Every structure is written in C-alpha cells, then in structure tokens.
Amino acid sequence: MNDRAAAASPAPIVFAGNTLDRASHLRRDAAWVAAALADTKSRFLPLHQLRALVAFEAGPRLDWRPGAEVRDLIDGGATLVMLGLADGACHFAVDASSVPDGRRQGWGKFVDVRSIAPQVSAEEAGILAQARALIDWHARHGFCPSCGAATAAKEAGYSRLCSSESCETQHFPRTDPVVIMLVLRGETCLLGRQPMFPRGMFSALAGFIEPGETIENAVRREIMEEAGITVGRVRYHASQPWPFPASLMIGCMGEALDEAIQVDAHELEAAHWFPKDEVAEMLRRSTTPETPRIPPPLSLAHQLVKAWLAGANY
C-alpha cells in the first residue's frame, strides 16, 4: 500500500504484516482527524458484527470504501477507528453492524476474520487484526468500569472517556499477553491437546502471562502446571497479534530439564513427546483432516514447529 510496504519482505506469520503508518501523534488533533474524514482520498473498511468486508472479483482482498458510502454510519454514531496512513490516504475501520443483513449495493461480502486472514496478503491480514480488535474493544467498553457511566470514543478511536464529570476516567485498548511455547528435549518436542481441539490435533502449550510475571517465568509456570515438566532456558522466537479478542501471542522455545509428563486434566486431554520425523509428518498434515496433525499455518504454534524443524532451538 506504500513504498515502505513494497520494500518489506512478506511476513510469514498471519496477522503480523501490518505496514500502515499508525500516525499516533495525529490522533489527538481533532481538526486533522475531521479533515481526514472529509478527504475524498480516505478509505474505510466496514466491519459487520466483527466480520470484515472482502471483495472477491480479483482474488480475496479488503474492500475499502469511499467516505460517501459510509457517511450515514459515521453521522449516526457508528464506531470509527483511524487505522493509519498509506499511499497518501488515511484508512479507517467503521462498524457497519447496523446495516441490515450487512448488504449494500456494490459492496463485497462480510467474512469471518479468522477464515479470510490466511487468504489475503500479509499486510491486509495485519490490518484485519488491528481493525477487529479495536472495533470489538469499543463494543465491550461502552460503560466506565470505575463508575458505570457511559463512555465516548476519543482520539480517533484509541481511547474512551467517561461522561461523568465526577469521574472522567480515560480508558485505553488493552492487549493481553499470552505465551505459547515449544518445549524441546533432544530431538523431541512437547505437544498437547485440549478437549475442544479438532480430532487428532496437537499443539504447542500456551497460557496468559499473569501480573508481575516475566515471559520466561510464564513459560516455566505454564509448562509445569499443564504437563509437570521443569523448563530451564527460554528463548523468544516471534510474536503474533491475535484479535480474538485482543491478545499478543509471544512465541518461545524452552529447554526441558526432565521428561516425565503429568497432565493437568483441567487444562489438557493429553500431552506427549513427539520425535522430529513424526512432527514433520504432523506439519505436512496441518491443512488436511489426517491425524495426528498440528494447527494450520494461521497459528503461531505451526510457525514454532516449522522453525524447530528448520533448525531453531532454545
């Protein structure tokens, strides 16, 4: 979408390729935002019940619309978020959930973000993560958790302000950090499955980072809690925005110091050590119904396994 994006190499991890200039220094400039909203070059991505508008005539791509087509939504108070700048134009997301059946003449189709993200470009998938997470955050924070009064969107969609004069608390979008880790012992890795997983699917273990906890200690705690394995060295590998609703997956690899698995039945249905040759087959099956398999390329677990098979370690 811009020269910088064209020069960048494609991001291998879905949702991690957003190259928009977020221009955060402009969000508080009400006059600038108003001018951007009125600019005919500005483009708007409608979301209907958190599904994104997608056009299919030239392959799946985000269906950006001109401001005139969403003016009634904006004037009617629909949630609006400035996503960033590209190609000399400002790009916004707008909540179009009030549109009956999500249909308007000339528009594409509203599609679930999780299903369409692997099919669009890495850059557009990253934009989807930003747009979905922020629109969802606004829908969940219409009232102040401090006093219960209504809140209003501010700073081009990056904060909400309590309407009570005795409170006036500012609220900002949150991102919940989650560690996801591939624990290694020699030529094997630890994979587990939850009861909710599709039949035969195993994945890297994961869990939320707790307040006051480092990434490394969260990795060690989660693996001990879920599988009874002691973890030594931990190395960061890669991260992935995960907008369901608003997490940051922090991918790590860890060194197992023992191998006797003790599964926490409240967290996992099963966990096993898998040798490299079998994991390679599970990777090959990731987009098929064959079992056992690992999650598809959309997931950071897939990318961790792929990196390990290519030689990455703790």
C-alpha atoms as a PDB file:
ATOM      1  CA  MET A   1       0.000   0.000   0.000  1.00  0.00           C
ATOM      2  CA  ASN A   2       3.036   2.320   0.260  1.00  0.00           C
ATOM      3  CA  ASP A   3       6.699   2.387  -0.754  1.00  0.00           C
ATOM      4  CA  ARG A   4       7.818   1.083   2.611  1.00  0.00           C
ATOM      5  CA  ALA A   5       5.364  -1.818   2.370  1.00  0.00           C
ATOM      6  CA  ALA A   6       6.534  -2.683  -1.123  1.00  0.00           C
ATOM      7  CA  ALA A   7      10.127  -2.842   0.059  1.00  0.00           C
ATOM      8  CA  ALA A   8       9.329  -5.028   3.044  1.00  0.00           C
ATOM      9  CA  SER A   9       9.564  -8.781   2.771  1.00  0.00           C
ATOM     10  CA  PRO A  10       6.308 -10.679   3.282  1.00  0.00           C
ATOM     11  CA  ALA A  11       5.597 -11.538   6.897  1.00  0.00           C
ATOM     12  CA  PRO A  12       5.478 -15.331   7.358  1.00  0.00           C
ATOM     13  CA  ILE A  13       3.135 -15.097  10.340  1.00  0.00           C
ATOM     14  CA  VAL A  14      -0.528 -14.286   9.752  1.00  0.00           C
ATOM     15  CA  PHE A  15      -1.691 -11.003  11.389  1.00  0.00           C
ATOM     16  CA  ALA A  16       1.928  -9.785  11.776  1.00  0.00           C
ATOM     17  CA  GLY A  17       2.336  -7.911   8.490  1.00  0.00           C
ATOM     18  CA  ASN A  18       0.579  -4.581   9.080  1.00  0.00           C
ATOM     19  CA  THR A  19       2.626  -1.792   7.433  1.00  0.00           C
ATOM     20  CA  LEU A  20       0.213   1.123   7.879  1.00  0.00           C
ATOM     21  CA  ASP A  21       1.745   4.217   9.433  1.00  0.00           C
ATOM     22  CA  ARG A  22      -0.428   4.465  12.550  1.00  0.00           C
ATOM     23  CA  ALA A  23       0.402   8.191  12.887  1.00  0.00           C
ATOM     24  CA  SER A  24      -0.403   8.105  16.583  1.00  0.00           C
ATOM     25  CA  HIS A  25       0.783  11.701  17.007  1.00  0.00           C
ATOM     26  CA  LEU A  26      -2.166  12.887  14.892  1.00  0.00           C
ATOM     27  CA  ARG A  27      -4.965  11.112  16.755  1.00  0.00           C
ATOM     28  CA  ARG A  28      -5.450  13.892  19.302  1.00  0.00           C
ATOM     29  CA  ASP A  29      -5.636  16.593  16.630  1.00  0.00           C
ATOM     30  CA  ALA A  30      -9.401  16.854  16.182  1.00  0.00           C
ATOM     31  CA  ALA A  31      -9.086  19.235  13.237  1.00  0.00           C
ATOM     32  CA  TRP A  32      -6.712  16.879  11.424  1.00  0.00           C
ATOM     33  CA  VAL A  33      -8.998  13.886  12.024  1.00  0.00           C
ATOM     34  CA  ALA A  34     -12.031  15.865  10.796  1.00  0.00           C
ATOM     35  CA  ALA A  35     -10.157  16.831   7.635  1.00  0.00           C
ATOM     36  CA  ALA A  36      -9.138  13.198   7.074  1.00  0.00           C
ATOM     37  CA  LEU A  37     -12.753  12.082   7.430  1.00  0.00           C
ATOM     38  CA  ALA A  38     -13.818  14.645   4.820  1.00  0.00           C
ATOM     39  CA  ASP A  39     -10.954  13.875   2.425  1.00  0.00           C
ATOM     40  CA  THR A  40     -12.206  12.045  -0.671  1.00  0.00           C
ATOM     41  CA  LYS A  41      -8.954  10.065  -0.762  1.00  0.00           C
ATOM     42  CA  SER A  42      -9.644   8.486   2.642  1.00  0.00           C
ATOM     43  CA  ARG A  43     -10.787   4.882   2.641  1.00  0.00           C
ATOM     44  CA  PHE A  44     -12.989   2.979   5.069  1.00  0.00           C
ATOM     45  CA  LEU A  45     -13.146  -0.716   5.934  1.00  0.00           C
ATOM     46  CA  PRO A  46     -16.627  -1.664   7.165  1.00  0.00           C
ATOM     47  CA  LEU A  47     -16.994  -4.475   9.706  1.00  0.00           C
ATOM     48  CA  HIS A  48     -20.362  -6.099  10.340  1.00  0.00           C
ATOM     49  CA  GLN A  49     -20.573  -7.952  13.654  1.00  0.00           C
ATOM     50  CA  LEU A  50     -16.758  -8.167  13.536  1.00  0.00           C
ATOM     51  CA  ARG A  51     -16.731  -9.680  10.054  1.00  0.00           C
ATOM     52  CA  ALA A  52     -14.707  -7.696   7.516  1.00  0.00           C
ATOM     53  CA  LEU A  53     -15.846  -6.532   4.097  1.00  0.00           C
ATOM     54  CA  VAL A  54     -13.980  -8.519   1.436  1.00  0.00           C
ATOM     55  CA  ALA A  55     -14.052  -8.313  -2.358  1.00  0.00           C
ATOM     56  CA  PHE A  56     -13.511 -11.476  -4.409  1.00  0.00           C
ATOM     57  CA  GLU A  57     -13.550 -10.440  -8.061  1.00  0.00           C
ATOM     58  CA  ALA A  58      -9.739 -10.217  -8.288  1.00  0.00           C
ATOM     59  CA  GLY A  59      -8.916 -12.661  -5.538  1.00  0.00           C
ATOM     60  CA  PRO A  60      -9.763 -12.032  -1.889  1.00  0.00           C
ATOM     61  CA  ARG A  61      -8.814  -8.534  -0.740  1.00  0.00           C
ATOM     62  CA  LEU A  62     -10.117  -5.974   1.710  1.00  0.00           C
ATOM     63  CA  ASP A  63     -12.995  -3.987   0.199  1.00  0.00           C
ATOM     64  CA  TRP A  64     -12.082  -0.409   1.128  1.00  0.00           C
ATOM     65  CA  ARG A  65     -14.956   2.014   0.508  1.00  0.00           C
ATOM     66  CA  PRO A  66     -15.002   5.806  -0.018  1.00  0.00           C
ATOM     67  CA  GLY A  67     -16.309   8.036   2.750  1.00  0.00           C
ATOM     68  CA  ALA A  68     -19.526   8.889   0.887  1.00  0.00           C
ATOM     69  CA  GLU A  69     -20.673   5.266   1.189  1.00  0.00           C
ATOM     70  CA  VAL A  70     -20.332   5.176   4.978  1.00  0.00           C
ATOM     71  CA  ARG A  71     -21.187   8.799   5.818  1.00  0.00           C
ATOM     72  CA  ASP A  72     -24.588   7.838   7.185  1.00  0.00           C
ATOM     73  CA  LEU A  73     -22.923   5.349   9.553  1.00  0.00           C
ATOM     74  CA  ILE A  74     -20.416   7.918  10.794  1.00  0.00           C
ATOM     75  CA  ASP A  75     -23.075  10.606  11.222  1.00  0.00           C
ATOM     76  CA  GLY A  76     -25.228   8.053  13.042  1.00  0.00           C
ATOM     77  CA  GLY A  77     -22.547   7.471  15.668  1.00  0.00           C
ATOM     78  CA  ALA A  78     -21.042   4.200  14.427  1.00  0.00           C
ATOM     79  CA  THR A  79     -17.730   3.272  15.997  1.00  0.00           C
ATOM     80  CA  LEU A  80     -14.895   4.673  13.908  1.00  0.00           C
ATOM     81  CA  VAL A  81     -11.175   3.940  14.258  1.00  0.00           C
ATOM     82  CA  MET A  82      -8.291   5.533  12.406  1.00  0.00           C
ATOM     83  CA  LEU A  83      -6.052   2.659  11.337  1.00  0.00           C
ATOM     84  CA  GLY A  84      -3.252   4.618   9.698  1.00  0.00           C
ATOM     85  CA  LEU A  85      -1.805   6.204   6.575  1.00  0.00           C
ATOM     86  CA  ALA A  86      -0.806   4.641   3.269  1.00  0.00           C
ATOM     87  CA  ASP A  87      -0.454   5.880  -0.301  1.00  0.00           C
ATOM     88  CA  GLY A  88      -1.191   9.445   0.808  1.00  0.00           C
ATOM     89  CA  ALA A  89      -4.592   8.468   2.228  1.00  0.00           C
ATOM     90  CA  CYS A  90      -5.974   7.877   5.688  1.00  0.00           C
ATOM     91  CA  HIS A  91      -7.535   4.480   6.344  1.00  0.00           C
ATOM     92  CA  PHE A  92     -10.317   3.895   8.847  1.00  0.00           C
ATOM     93  CA  ALA A  93     -12.362   0.996  10.175  1.00  0.00           C
ATOM     94  CA  VAL A  94     -16.073   1.580  10.754  1.00  0.00           C
ATOM     95  CA  ASP A  95     -18.642  -0.585  12.496  1.00  0.00           C
ATOM     96  CA  ALA A  96     -21.359  -1.317   9.944  1.00  0.00           C
ATOM     97  CA  SER A  97     -23.323  -3.709  12.170  1.00  0.00           C
ATOM     98  CA  SER A  98     -26.414  -1.505  11.797  1.00  0.00           C
ATOM     99  CA  VAL A  99     -26.581  -2.224   8.057  1.00  0.00           C
ATOM    100  CA  PRO A 100     -29.461  -4.711   7.522  1.00  0.00           C
ATOM    101  CA  ASP A 101     -28.030  -8.104   6.590  1.00  0.00           C
ATOM    102  CA  GLY A 102     -24.686  -6.391   6.036  1.00  0.00           C
ATOM    103  CA  ARG A 103     -25.600  -5.663   2.426  1.00  0.00           C
ATOM    104  CA  ARG A 104     -25.213  -2.567   0.301  1.00  0.00           C
ATOM    105  CA  GLN A 105     -25.125  -2.070  -3.433  1.00  0.00           C
ATOM    106  CA  GLY A 106     -21.627  -2.578  -4.808  1.00  0.00           C
ATOM    107  CA  TRP A 107     -20.165  -3.933  -1.590  1.00  0.00           C
ATOM    108  CA  GLY A 108     -18.411  -7.262  -1.322  1.00  0.00           C
ATOM    109  CA  LYS A 109     -19.163  -9.834   1.348  1.00  0.00           C
ATOM    110  CA  PHE A 110     -18.631  -9.708   5.108  1.00  0.00           C
ATOM    111  CA  VAL A 111     -16.378 -12.617   6.053  1.00  0.00           C
ATOM    112  CA  ASP A 112     -15.112 -14.034   9.351  1.00  0.00           C
ATOM    113  CA  VAL A 113     -11.644 -12.603  10.017  1.00  0.00           C
ATOM    114  CA  ARG A 114     -10.123 -15.897  11.152  1.00  0.00           C
ATOM    115  CA  SER A 115     -11.168 -17.670   7.958  1.00  0.00           C
ATOM    116  CA  ILE A 116     -10.188 -14.974   5.467  1.00  0.00           C
ATOM    117  CA  ALA A 117      -6.900 -13.787   7.026  1.00  0.00           C
ATOM    118  CA  PRO A 118      -4.741 -16.606   5.531  1.00  0.00           C
ATOM    119  CA  GLN A 119      -6.161 -15.853   2.070  1.00  0.00           C
ATOM    120  CA  VAL A 120      -5.375 -12.138   1.857  1.00  0.00           C
ATOM    121  CA  SER A 121      -1.948 -10.516   1.781  1.00  0.00           C
ATOM    122  CA  ALA A 122       0.190 -10.434   4.923  1.00  0.00           C
ATOM    123  CA  GLU A 123      -0.295  -6.671   5.084  1.00  0.00           C
ATOM    124  CA  GLU A 124      -4.081  -6.897   4.859  1.00  0.00           C
ATOM    125  CA  ALA A 125      -4.217  -9.678   7.439  1.00  0.00           C
ATOM    126  CA  GLY A 126      -2.318  -7.397   9.825  1.00  0.00           C
ATOM    127  CA  ILE A 127      -4.815  -4.613   9.185  1.00  0.00           C
ATOM    128  CA  LEU A 128      -7.640  -7.046   9.948  1.00  0.00           C
ATOM    129  CA  ALA A 129      -6.087  -7.791  13.345  1.00  0.00           C
ATOM    130  CA  GLN A 130      -5.925  -4.094  14.175  1.00  0.00           C
ATOM    131  CA  ALA A 131      -9.440  -3.311  12.943  1.00  0.00           C
ATOM    132  CA  ARG A 132     -11.206  -6.271  14.530  1.00  0.00           C
ATOM    133  CA  ALA A 133      -9.517  -5.895  17.913  1.00  0.00           C
ATOM    134  CA  LEU A 134     -10.332  -2.185  18.182  1.00  0.00           C
ATOM    135  CA  ILE A 135     -13.946  -2.410  16.991  1.00  0.00           C
ATOM    136  CA  ASP A 136     -14.506  -5.259  19.444  1.00  0.00           C
ATOM    137  CA  TRP A 137     -12.889  -3.284  22.277  1.00  0.00           C
ATOM    138  CA  HIS A 138     -15.271  -0.384  21.751  1.00  0.00           C
ATOM    139  CA  ALA A 139     -18.270  -2.725  21.748  1.00  0.00           C
ATOM    140  CA  ARG A 140     -17.181  -4.122  25.126  1.00  0.00           C
ATOM    141  CA  HIS A 141     -16.397  -0.803  26.819  1.00  0.00           C
ATOM    142  CA  GLY A 142     -19.463   1.367  26.433  1.00  0.00           C
ATOM    143  CA  PHE A 143     -19.588   1.986  30.179  1.00  0.00           C
ATOM    144  CA  CYS A 144     -16.943   3.086  32.646  1.00  0.00           C
ATOM    145  CA  PRO A 145     -15.735   0.253  34.893  1.00  0.00           C
ATOM    146  CA  SER A 146     -14.898   2.833  37.571  1.00  0.00           C
ATOM    147  CA  CYS A 147     -18.335   4.422  37.989  1.00  0.00           C
ATOM    148  CA  GLY A 148     -20.717   2.836  35.481  1.00  0.00           C
ATOM    149  CA  ALA A 149     -21.395   5.982  33.428  1.00  0.00           C
ATOM    150  CA  ALA A 150     -21.442   5.887  29.644  1.00  0.00           C
ATOM    151  CA  THR A 151     -18.150   6.364  27.812  1.00  0.00           C
ATOM    152  CA  ALA A 152     -17.452   8.060  24.479  1.00  0.00           C
ATOM    153  CA  ALA A 153     -14.792   7.319  21.878  1.00  0.00           C
ATOM    154  CA  LYS A 154     -11.895   9.771  21.691  1.00  0.00           C
ATOM    155  CA  GLU A 155      -8.521  10.121  19.931  1.00  0.00           C
ATOM    156  CA  ALA A 156      -9.787   8.718  16.627  1.00  0.00           C
ATOM    157  CA  GLY A 157     -10.861   5.503  18.338  1.00  0.00           C
ATOM    158  CA  TYR A 158      -7.846   4.886  20.610  1.00  0.00           C
ATOM    159  CA  SER A 159      -9.420   5.814  23.918  1.00  0.00           C
ATOM    160  CA  ARG A 160     -12.781   6.191  25.625  1.00  0.00           C
ATOM    161  CA  LEU A 161     -13.663   8.917  28.114  1.00  0.00           C
ATOM    162  CA  CYS A 162     -16.112   8.545  30.990  1.00  0.00           C
ATOM    163  CA  SER A 163     -19.003  11.011  30.629  1.00  0.00           C
ATOM    164  CA  SER A 164     -19.384  11.605  34.386  1.00  0.00           C
ATOM    165  CA  GLU A 165     -17.921  14.962  35.423  1.00  0.00           C
ATOM    166  CA  SER A 166     -17.006  13.473  38.793  1.00  0.00           C
ATOM    167  CA  CYS A 167     -15.044  10.663  37.145  1.00  0.00           C
ATOM    168  CA  GLU A 168     -13.812  11.498  33.636  1.00  0.00           C
ATOM    169  CA  THR A 169     -11.594   8.408  33.632  1.00  0.00           C
ATOM    170  CA  GLN A 170      -9.790   7.669  30.394  1.00  0.00           C
ATOM    171  CA  HIS A 171      -9.770   4.089  29.158  1.00  0.00           C
ATOM    172  CA  PHE A 172      -7.402   2.671  26.567  1.00  0.00           C
ATOM    173  CA  PRO A 173      -7.437  -0.512  24.462  1.00  0.00           C
ATOM    174  CA  ARG A 174      -5.691  -3.406  26.147  1.00  0.00           C
ATOM    175  CA  THR A 175      -3.664  -6.236  24.730  1.00  0.00           C
ATOM    176  CA  ASP A 176      -3.453  -9.445  26.733  1.00  0.00           C
ATOM    177  CA  PRO A 177      -0.011 -11.132  26.526  1.00  0.00           C
ATOM    178  CA  VAL A 178      -0.043 -14.901  26.032  1.00  0.00           C
ATOM    179  CA  VAL A 179       2.989 -17.181  25.973  1.00  0.00           C
ATOM    180  CA  ILE A 180       2.954 -20.068  23.535  1.00  0.00           C
ATOM    181  CA  MET A 181       5.954 -22.354  23.784  1.00  0.00           C
ATOM    182  CA  LEU A 182       7.528 -25.294  22.080  1.00  0.00           C
ATOM    183  CA  VAL A 183       9.390 -27.203  24.785  1.00  0.00           C
ATOM    184  CA  LEU A 184      12.262 -29.326  23.492  1.00  0.00           C
ATOM    185  CA  ARG A 185      14.231 -32.286  24.799  1.00  0.00           C
ATOM    186  CA  GLY A 186      16.857 -33.585  22.417  1.00  0.00           C
ATOM    187  CA  GLU A 187      15.186 -34.490  19.127  1.00  0.00           C
ATOM    188  CA  THR A 188      11.650 -34.399  20.570  1.00  0.00           C
ATOM    189  CA  CYS A 189       9.147 -31.664  21.363  1.00  0.00           C
ATOM    190  CA  LEU A 190       6.223 -31.480  23.773  1.00  0.00           C
ATOM    191  CA  LEU A 191       2.746 -31.115  22.238  1.00  0.00           C
ATOM    192  CA  GLY A 192      -0.636 -31.338  23.902  1.00  0.00           C
ATOM    193  CA  ARG A 193      -4.307 -31.182  23.093  1.00  0.00           C
ATOM    194  CA  GLN A 194      -7.358 -29.706  24.758  1.00  0.00           C
ATOM    195  CA  PRO A 195     -10.753 -31.431  24.598  1.00  0.00           C
ATOM    196  CA  MET A 196     -12.067 -28.625  22.369  1.00  0.00           C
ATOM    197  CA  PHE A 197      -9.439 -29.270  19.678  1.00  0.00           C
ATOM    198  CA  PRO A 198     -10.448 -30.978  16.429  1.00  0.00           C
ATOM    199  CA  ARG A 199      -9.916 -34.729  16.490  1.00  0.00           C
ATOM    200  CA  GLY A 200      -6.253 -35.681  16.297  1.00  0.00           C
ATOM    201  CA  MET A 201      -4.846 -32.151  16.589  1.00  0.00           C
ATOM    202  CA  PHE A 202      -1.911 -31.442  18.910  1.00  0.00           C
ATOM    203  CA  SER A 203      -0.398 -28.018  19.542  1.00  0.00           C
ATOM    204  CA  ALA A 204       2.238 -26.140  21.499  1.00  0.00           C
ATOM    205  CA  LEU A 205       1.103 -25.305  25.033  1.00  0.00           C
ATOM    206  CA  ALA A 206       0.012 -21.758  25.847  1.00  0.00           C
ATOM    207  CA  GLY A 207      -1.281 -19.564  28.634  1.00  0.00           C
ATOM    208  CA  PHE A 208      -1.808 -15.963  29.742  1.00  0.00           C
ATOM    209  CA  ILE A 209       1.004 -14.075  31.435  1.00  0.00           C
ATOM    210  CA  GLU A 210      -0.012 -13.137  34.974  1.00  0.00           C
ATOM    211  CA  PRO A 211       0.522  -9.705  36.599  1.00  0.00           C
ATOM    212  CA  GLY A 212       4.108  -9.199  37.749  1.00  0.00           C
ATOM    213  CA  GLU A 213       5.384 -12.154  35.728  1.00  0.00           C
ATOM    214  CA  THR A 214       8.153 -12.246  33.141  1.00  0.00           C
ATOM    215  CA  ILE A 215       7.776 -14.022  29.818  1.00  0.00           C
ATOM    216  CA  GLU A 216      10.348 -16.626  30.860  1.00  0.00           C
ATOM    217  CA  ASN A 217       8.653 -17.362  34.167  1.00  0.00           C
ATOM    218  CA  ALA A 218       5.251 -17.574  32.499  1.00  0.00           C
ATOM    219  CA  VAL A 219       6.644 -20.219  30.141  1.00  0.00           C
ATOM    220  CA  ARG A 220       8.062 -22.205  33.044  1.00  0.00           C
ATOM    221  CA  ARG A 221       4.907 -21.902  35.157  1.00  0.00           C
ATOM    222  CA  GLU A 222       2.505 -22.894  32.379  1.00  0.00           C
ATOM    223  CA  ILE A 223       4.538 -25.950  31.364  1.00  0.00           C
ATOM    224  CA  MET A 224       4.855 -27.095  34.965  1.00  0.00           C
ATOM    225  CA  GLU A 225       1.149 -26.554  35.637  1.00  0.00           C
ATOM    226  CA  GLU A 226      -0.115 -28.250  32.497  1.00  0.00           C
ATOM    227  CA  ALA A 227       2.436 -31.009  31.914  1.00  0.00           C
ATOM    228  CA  GLY A 228       4.578 -31.269  35.074  1.00  0.00           C
ATOM    229  CA  ILE A 229       7.773 -30.570  33.125  1.00  0.00           C
ATOM    230  CA  THR A 230      10.570 -28.353  34.501  1.00  0.00           C
ATOM    231  CA  VAL A 231      11.827 -25.827  31.947  1.00  0.00           C
ATOM    232  CA  GLY A 232      15.294 -24.274  32.035  1.00  0.00           C
ATOM    233  CA  ARG A 233      16.451 -21.947  29.265  1.00  0.00           C
ATOM    234  CA  VAL A 234      13.776 -19.995  27.386  1.00  0.00           C
ATOM    235  CA  ARG A 235      14.328 -18.142  24.119  1.00  0.00           C
ATOM    236  CA  TYR A 236      11.943 -15.729  22.424  1.00  0.00           C
ATOM    237  CA  HIS A 237      11.202 -16.639  18.799  1.00  0.00           C
ATOM    238  CA  ALA A 238       8.405 -14.480  17.346  1.00  0.00           C
ATOM    239  CA  SER A 239       5.106 -12.805  18.200  1.00  0.00           C
ATOM    240  CA  GLN A 240       1.673 -12.655  16.620  1.00  0.00           C
ATOM    241  CA  PRO A 241      -1.271 -10.311  17.168  1.00  0.00           C
ATOM    242  CA  TRP A 242      -4.331 -12.480  17.846  1.00  0.00           C
ATOM    243  CA  PRO A 243      -7.539 -10.399  17.628  1.00  0.00           C
ATOM    244  CA  PHE A 244      -9.925 -12.900  19.267  1.00  0.00           C
ATOM    245  CA  PRO A 245     -10.497 -10.635  21.052  1.00  0.00           C
ATOM    246  CA  ALA A 246      -7.174  -8.852  21.731  1.00  0.00           C
ATOM    247  CA  SER A 247      -4.121 -10.938  22.578  1.00  0.00           C
ATOM    248  CA  LEU A 248      -0.457 -10.854  21.680  1.00  0.00           C
ATOM    249  CA  MET A 249       0.912 -14.363  21.258  1.00  0.00           C
ATOM    250  CA  ILE A 250       4.554 -14.466  22.375  1.00  0.00           C
ATOM    251  CA  GLY A 251       6.228 -17.488  20.837  1.00  0.00           C
ATOM    252  CA  CYS A 252       9.111 -19.102  22.716  1.00  0.00           C
ATOM    253  CA  MET A 253      11.200 -22.242  22.748  1.00  0.00           C
ATOM    254  CA  GLY A 254      12.227 -23.817  26.031  1.00  0.00           C
ATOM    255  CA  GLU A 255      14.629 -26.447  27.320  1.00  0.00           C
ATOM    256  CA  ALA A 256      13.018 -29.343  29.198  1.00  0.00           C
ATOM    257  CA  LEU A 257      15.041 -30.458  32.209  1.00  0.00           C
ATOM    258  CA  ASP A 258      13.054 -33.667  32.724  1.00  0.00           C
ATOM    259  CA  GLU A 259      10.644 -35.741  30.667  1.00  0.00           C
ATOM    260  CA  ALA A 260       8.037 -37.422  32.920  1.00  0.00           C
ATOM    261  CA  ILE A 261       4.715 -35.866  31.873  1.00  0.00           C
ATOM    262  CA  GLN A 262       1.983 -35.279  34.443  1.00  0.00           C
ATOM    263  CA  VAL A 263      -1.055 -33.906  32.619  1.00  0.00           C
ATOM    264  CA  ASP A 264      -3.375 -31.466  34.374  1.00  0.00           C
ATOM    265  CA  ALA A 265      -6.754 -32.883  33.346  1.00  0.00           C
ATOM    266  CA  HIS A 266      -8.393 -29.482  33.869  1.00  0.00           C
ATOM    267  CA  GLU A 267      -6.180 -27.991  31.148  1.00  0.00           C
ATOM    268  CA  LEU A 268      -5.262 -30.799  28.771  1.00  0.00           C
ATOM    269  CA  GLU A 269      -6.725 -34.005  27.430  1.00  0.00           C
ATOM    270  CA  ALA A 270      -3.288 -35.381  26.585  1.00  0.00           C
ATOM    271  CA  ALA A 271       0.368 -34.407  26.140  1.00  0.00           C
ATOM    272  CA  HIS A 272       3.216 -36.387  24.579  1.00  0.00           C
ATOM    273  CA  TRP A 273       6.809 -36.099  23.427  1.00  0.00           C
ATOM    274  CA  PHE A 274       6.909 -36.317  19.624  1.00  0.00           C
ATOM    275  CA  PRO A 275      10.081 -37.137  17.644  1.00  0.00           C
ATOM    276  CA  LYS A 276      11.136 -34.874  14.796  1.00  0.00           C
ATOM    277  CA  ASP A 277      10.230 -37.262  11.996  1.00  0.00           C
ATOM    278  CA  GLU A 278       6.686 -37.639  13.309  1.00  0.00           C
ATOM    279  CA  VAL A 279       6.345 -33.889  13.858  1.00  0.00           C
ATOM    280  CA  ALA A 280       7.403 -33.317  10.252  1.00  0.00           C
ATOM    281  CA  GLU A 281       4.519 -35.538   9.163  1.00  0.00           C
ATOM    282  CA  MET A 282       2.142 -33.696  11.506  1.00  0.00           C
ATOM    283  CA  LEU A 283       3.269 -30.426   9.902  1.00  0.00           C
ATOM    284  CA  ARG A 284       2.557 -31.827   6.442  1.00  0.00           C
ATOM    285  CA  ARG A 285      -0.947 -32.820   7.592  1.00  0.00           C
ATOM    286  CA  SER A 286      -1.702 -29.428   9.180  1.00  0.00           C
ATOM    287  CA  THR A 287      -4.107 -28.380   6.426  1.00  0.00           C
ATOM    288  CA  THR A 288      -5.707 -31.805   5.990  1.00  0.00           C
ATOM    289  CA  PRO A 289      -8.115 -33.923   8.075  1.00  0.00           C
ATOM    290  CA  GLU A 290      -5.379 -36.542   8.557  1.00  0.00           C
ATOM    291  CA  THR A 291      -4.317 -37.306  12.112  1.00  0.00           C
ATOM    292  CA  PRO A 292      -2.331 -36.683  14.141  1.00  0.00           C
ATOM    293  CA  ARG A 293      -1.588 -33.165  12.951  1.00  0.00           C
ATOM    294  CA  ILE A 294      -0.647 -29.713  14.229  1.00  0.00           C
ATOM    295  CA  PRO A 295      -2.643 -26.486  13.721  1.00  0.00           C
ATOM    296  CA  PRO A 296      -2.609 -24.822  10.279  1.00  0.00           C
ATOM    297  CA  PRO A 297      -0.177 -22.048   9.232  1.00  0.00           C
ATOM    298  CA  LEU A 298      -2.503 -19.372  10.676  1.00  0.00           C
ATOM    299  CA  SER A 299      -1.316 -20.306  14.167  1.00  0.00           C
ATOM    300  CA  LEU A 300       1.937 -19.362  15.851  1.00  0.00           C
ATOM    301  CA  ALA A 301       2.181 -22.973  17.082  1.00  0.00           C
ATOM    302  CA  HIS A 302       2.579 -24.039  13.443  1.00  0.00           C
ATOM    303  CA  GLN A 303       5.329 -21.460  12.938  1.00  0.00           C
ATOM    304  CA  LEU A 304       7.190 -22.582  16.066  1.00  0.00           C
ATOM    305  CA  VAL A 305       7.161 -26.194  14.905  1.00  0.00           C
ATOM    306  CA  LYS A 306       8.224 -25.188  11.406  1.00  0.00           C
ATOM    307  CA  ALA A 307      11.131 -23.152  12.786  1.00  0.00           C
ATOM    308  CA  TRP A 308      12.264 -26.018  15.026  1.00  0.00           C
ATOM    309  CA  LEU A 309      12.264 -28.459  12.139  1.00  0.00           C
ATOM    310  CA  ALA A 310      14.358 -25.928  10.193  1.00  0.00           C
ATOM    311  CA  GLY A 311      16.959 -25.830  12.970  1.00  0.00           C
ATOM    312  CA  ALA A 312      15.778 -23.262  15.551  1.00  0.00           C
ATOM    313  CA  ASN A 313      16.380 -24.166  19.185  1.00  0.00           C
ATOM    314  CA  TYR A 314      16.302 -22.724  22.681  1.00  0.00           C
END
